[in-house]
């Protein structure tokens, strides 16, 4: 993968290495479908009824350092559709990517891996969900866009509140 210019007129690809190698680098190395499944436990009866489902969407992310600034990020999207309180289908996609992240402060690296990378992966997962549900005989499920920056910020806030509450609980030994 080619290096992109950093905006400096004299800045060539080898200049960052000559300056100590602390230049920031972010790159998408690979995007791939790690796992997917669709289950239709109510078939064939579900296809004989009026289609008025209730859908629940769950999002989860996982990240694994691979060494040398490489990280695997896996976005799991699970869609459960029920009609008349009976499961119509369960569709799950594990969309993954390998990303290079070097030279960023810890907070910025955490933000990239926790918000930006899942945002890169989501359109692929969205397409896979739509394809799988359509191939299962249902109207394709089109997921709404997701603001991963807001989800990341909310998660960090909840973690901070949890740490604060845990800190207050341990001070009662007085």
Protein backbone atom coordinates (compact mmCIF):
# COMPACT_ATOMS: atom_id res chain seq x y z
CA UNK A 1 0.00 0.00 0.00
CA UNK A 2 1.40 3.37 -0.99
CA UNK A 3 2.18 6.10 1.50
CA UNK A 4 0.07 9.22 1.18
CA UNK A 5 1.68 12.66 1.22
CA UNK A 6 1.49 14.45 4.55
CA UNK A 7 1.03 17.90 3.05
CA UNK A 8 4.64 19.09 3.43
CA UNK A 9 6.21 20.27 0.17
CA UNK A 10 9.48 18.47 0.92
CA UNK A 11 7.89 15.50 2.68
CA UNK A 12 8.62 12.28 0.83
CA UNK A 13 7.59 8.79 1.96
CA UNK A 14 10.97 8.09 3.59
CA UNK A 15 11.19 11.37 5.48
CA UNK A 16 9.07 10.19 8.43
CA UNK A 17 11.40 7.26 9.04
CA UNK A 18 14.42 9.58 8.89
CA UNK A 19 12.84 11.85 11.54
CA UNK A 20 12.55 9.07 14.09
CA UNK A 21 9.52 7.14 12.84
CA UNK A 22 6.96 8.92 15.02
CA UNK A 23 4.77 10.06 12.13
CA UNK A 24 1.12 9.23 12.41
CA UNK A 25 -0.04 6.44 10.15
CA UNK A 26 -3.53 5.03 9.66
CA UNK A 27 -4.31 2.59 6.88
CA UNK A 28 -6.96 0.02 6.04
CA UNK A 29 -5.09 -3.18 5.21
CA UNK A 30 -7.99 -5.56 4.65
CA UNK A 31 -11.76 -5.67 5.08
CA UNK A 32 -13.34 -9.12 5.21
CA UNK A 33 -16.40 -11.05 6.29
CA UNK A 34 -15.22 -13.15 9.23
CA UNK A 35 -18.48 -14.99 9.92
CA UNK A 36 -22.17 -14.77 9.07
CA UNK A 37 -25.31 -16.75 9.67
CA UNK A 38 -29.03 -16.53 9.20
CA UNK A 39 -31.58 -18.74 10.93
CA UNK A 40 -35.30 -18.97 10.14
CA UNK A 41 -36.74 -20.99 13.03
CA UNK A 42 -40.33 -20.14 12.10
CA UNK A 43 -40.10 -21.34 8.49
CA UNK A 44 -42.19 -22.27 6.64
CA UNK A 45 -45.12 -20.99 8.74
CA UNK A 46 -43.65 -17.48 8.95
CA UNK A 47 -44.06 -17.11 5.18
CA UNK A 48 -47.81 -17.79 5.34
CA UNK A 49 -48.52 -14.90 7.73
CA UNK A 50 -48.77 -11.16 7.21
CA UNK A 51 -45.26 -9.66 7.49
CA UNK A 52 -45.32 -7.15 10.35
CA UNK A 53 -42.14 -7.88 12.28
CA UNK A 54 -40.49 -6.17 15.18
CA UNK A 55 -36.73 -6.03 14.73
CA UNK A 56 -34.04 -5.67 17.37
CA UNK A 57 -30.50 -4.71 16.32
CA UNK A 58 -27.45 -5.29 18.51
CA UNK A 59 -23.98 -3.92 17.76
CA UNK A 60 -20.74 -5.04 19.38
CA UNK A 61 -17.10 -4.42 18.60
CA UNK A 62 -13.98 -6.32 19.49
CA UNK A 63 -10.38 -5.40 18.76
CA UNK A 64 -7.24 -7.45 18.86
CA UNK A 65 -3.68 -6.13 18.53
CA UNK A 66 -1.72 -8.13 15.95
CA UNK A 67 1.69 -6.49 16.50
CA UNK A 68 3.68 -3.93 14.50
CA UNK A 69 0.84 -1.41 14.71
CA UNK A 70 -1.69 -3.80 13.16
CA UNK A 71 -5.09 -4.27 14.78
CA UNK A 72 -8.03 -6.47 13.91
CA UNK A 73 -11.39 -4.83 14.57
CA UNK A 74 -14.53 -6.99 14.39
CA UNK A 75 -17.98 -5.41 14.22
CA UNK A 76 -20.76 -7.84 15.13
CA UNK A 77 -24.27 -6.94 14.00
CA UNK A 78 -27.14 -9.13 15.16
CA UNK A 79 -30.68 -8.60 13.87
CA UNK A 80 -33.54 -10.50 15.48
CA UNK A 81 -36.97 -10.21 13.84
CA UNK A 82 -40.10 -11.44 15.58
CA UNK A 83 -43.70 -11.53 14.44
CA UNK A 84 -46.52 -12.15 16.89
CA UNK A 85 -43.90 -12.86 19.57
CA UNK A 86 -42.42 -15.74 17.53
CA UNK A 87 -38.93 -15.53 16.05
CA UNK A 88 -38.98 -14.99 12.28
CA UNK A 89 -35.24 -14.83 11.73
CA UNK A 90 -31.93 -14.23 13.40
CA UNK A 91 -29.18 -12.79 11.23
CA UNK A 92 -25.65 -12.22 12.52
CA UNK A 93 -22.64 -10.79 10.69
CA UNK A 94 -19.06 -10.50 11.95
CA UNK A 95 -17.48 -7.89 9.65
CA UNK A 96 -13.76 -7.51 10.25
CA UNK A 97 -10.87 -5.39 9.17
CA UNK A 98 -7.15 -5.16 9.69
CA UNK A 99 -5.94 -1.62 10.29
CA UNK A 100 -2.51 -0.06 10.69
CA UNK A 101 -2.45 2.51 13.51
CA UNK A 102 0.95 4.00 14.40
CA UNK A 103 2.22 7.20 16.02
CA UNK A 104 -1.02 8.33 17.69
CA UNK A 105 -1.48 9.11 21.37
CA UNK A 106 -3.32 6.41 23.31
CA UNK A 107 -6.60 8.36 23.38
CA UNK A 108 -6.50 8.94 19.62
CA UNK A 109 -5.64 5.29 18.94
CA UNK A 110 -8.52 4.21 21.18
CA UNK A 111 -10.89 6.57 19.33
CA UNK A 112 -9.75 5.28 15.92
CA UNK A 113 -10.17 1.63 16.91
CA UNK A 114 -13.34 2.17 18.94
CA UNK A 115 -15.28 4.54 16.68
CA UNK A 116 -13.70 5.21 13.30
CA UNK A 117 -12.87 1.60 12.34
CA UNK A 118 -16.36 0.27 13.21
CA UNK A 119 -17.73 3.13 11.08
CA UNK A 120 -15.60 1.90 8.17
CA UNK A 121 -16.85 -1.67 8.65
CA UNK A 122 -20.55 -0.86 9.12
CA UNK A 123 -21.50 -0.34 5.44
CA UNK A 124 -20.09 -3.79 4.62
CA UNK A 125 -22.02 -5.38 7.50
CA UNK A 126 -25.14 -3.49 6.47
CA UNK A 127 -24.88 -4.87 2.94
CA UNK A 128 -24.31 -8.42 4.22
CA UNK A 129 -27.38 -8.20 6.50
CA UNK A 130 -29.51 -6.96 3.60
CA UNK A 131 -28.27 -9.74 1.30
CA UNK A 132 -28.70 -12.51 3.88
CA UNK A 133 -32.21 -11.54 4.92
CA UNK A 134 -33.25 -11.21 1.25
CA UNK A 135 -31.80 -14.63 0.42
CA UNK A 136 -33.62 -16.09 3.41
CA UNK A 137 -36.92 -15.14 1.74
CA UNK A 138 -37.67 -11.98 3.73
CA UNK A 139 -37.74 -8.37 2.60
CA UNK A 140 -34.11 -7.19 2.78
CA UNK A 141 -33.34 -5.58 6.14
CA UNK A 142 -31.81 -2.17 5.56
CA UNK A 143 -30.16 -0.90 8.72
CA UNK A 144 -30.21 2.79 9.58
CA UNK A 145 -26.89 4.63 9.73
CA UNK A 146 -25.08 4.48 13.07
CA UNK A 147 -23.12 7.27 14.75
CA UNK A 148 -20.19 5.30 16.15
CA UNK A 149 -18.57 8.47 17.53
CA UNK A 150 -21.62 9.05 19.75
CA UNK A 151 -21.71 5.39 20.83
CA UNK A 152 -18.00 5.53 21.65
CA UNK A 153 -18.43 8.75 23.67
CA UNK A 154 -21.37 7.26 25.60
CA UNK A 155 -19.36 4.09 26.34
CA UNK A 156 -16.42 6.15 27.65
CA UNK A 157 -18.78 8.22 29.80
CA UNK A 158 -20.35 5.08 31.28
CA UNK A 159 -16.90 3.63 31.99
CA UNK A 160 -15.84 6.85 33.72
CA UNK A 161 -19.01 6.91 35.82
CA UNK A 162 -18.49 3.24 36.72
CA UNK A 163 -14.89 3.88 37.75
CA UNK A 164 -15.97 6.89 39.79
CA UNK A 165 -18.68 4.86 41.55
CA UNK A 166 -16.21 2.04 42.24
CA UNK A 167 -13.73 4.56 43.66
CA UNK A 168 -16.34 6.02 45.98
CA UNK A 169 -17.36 2.56 47.17
CA UNK A 170 -13.80 1.68 48.16
CA UNK A 171 -13.37 4.87 50.24
CA UNK A 172 -15.85 3.67 52.89
CA UNK A 173 -13.20 1.66 54.75
CA UNK A 174 -12.29 4.87 56.69
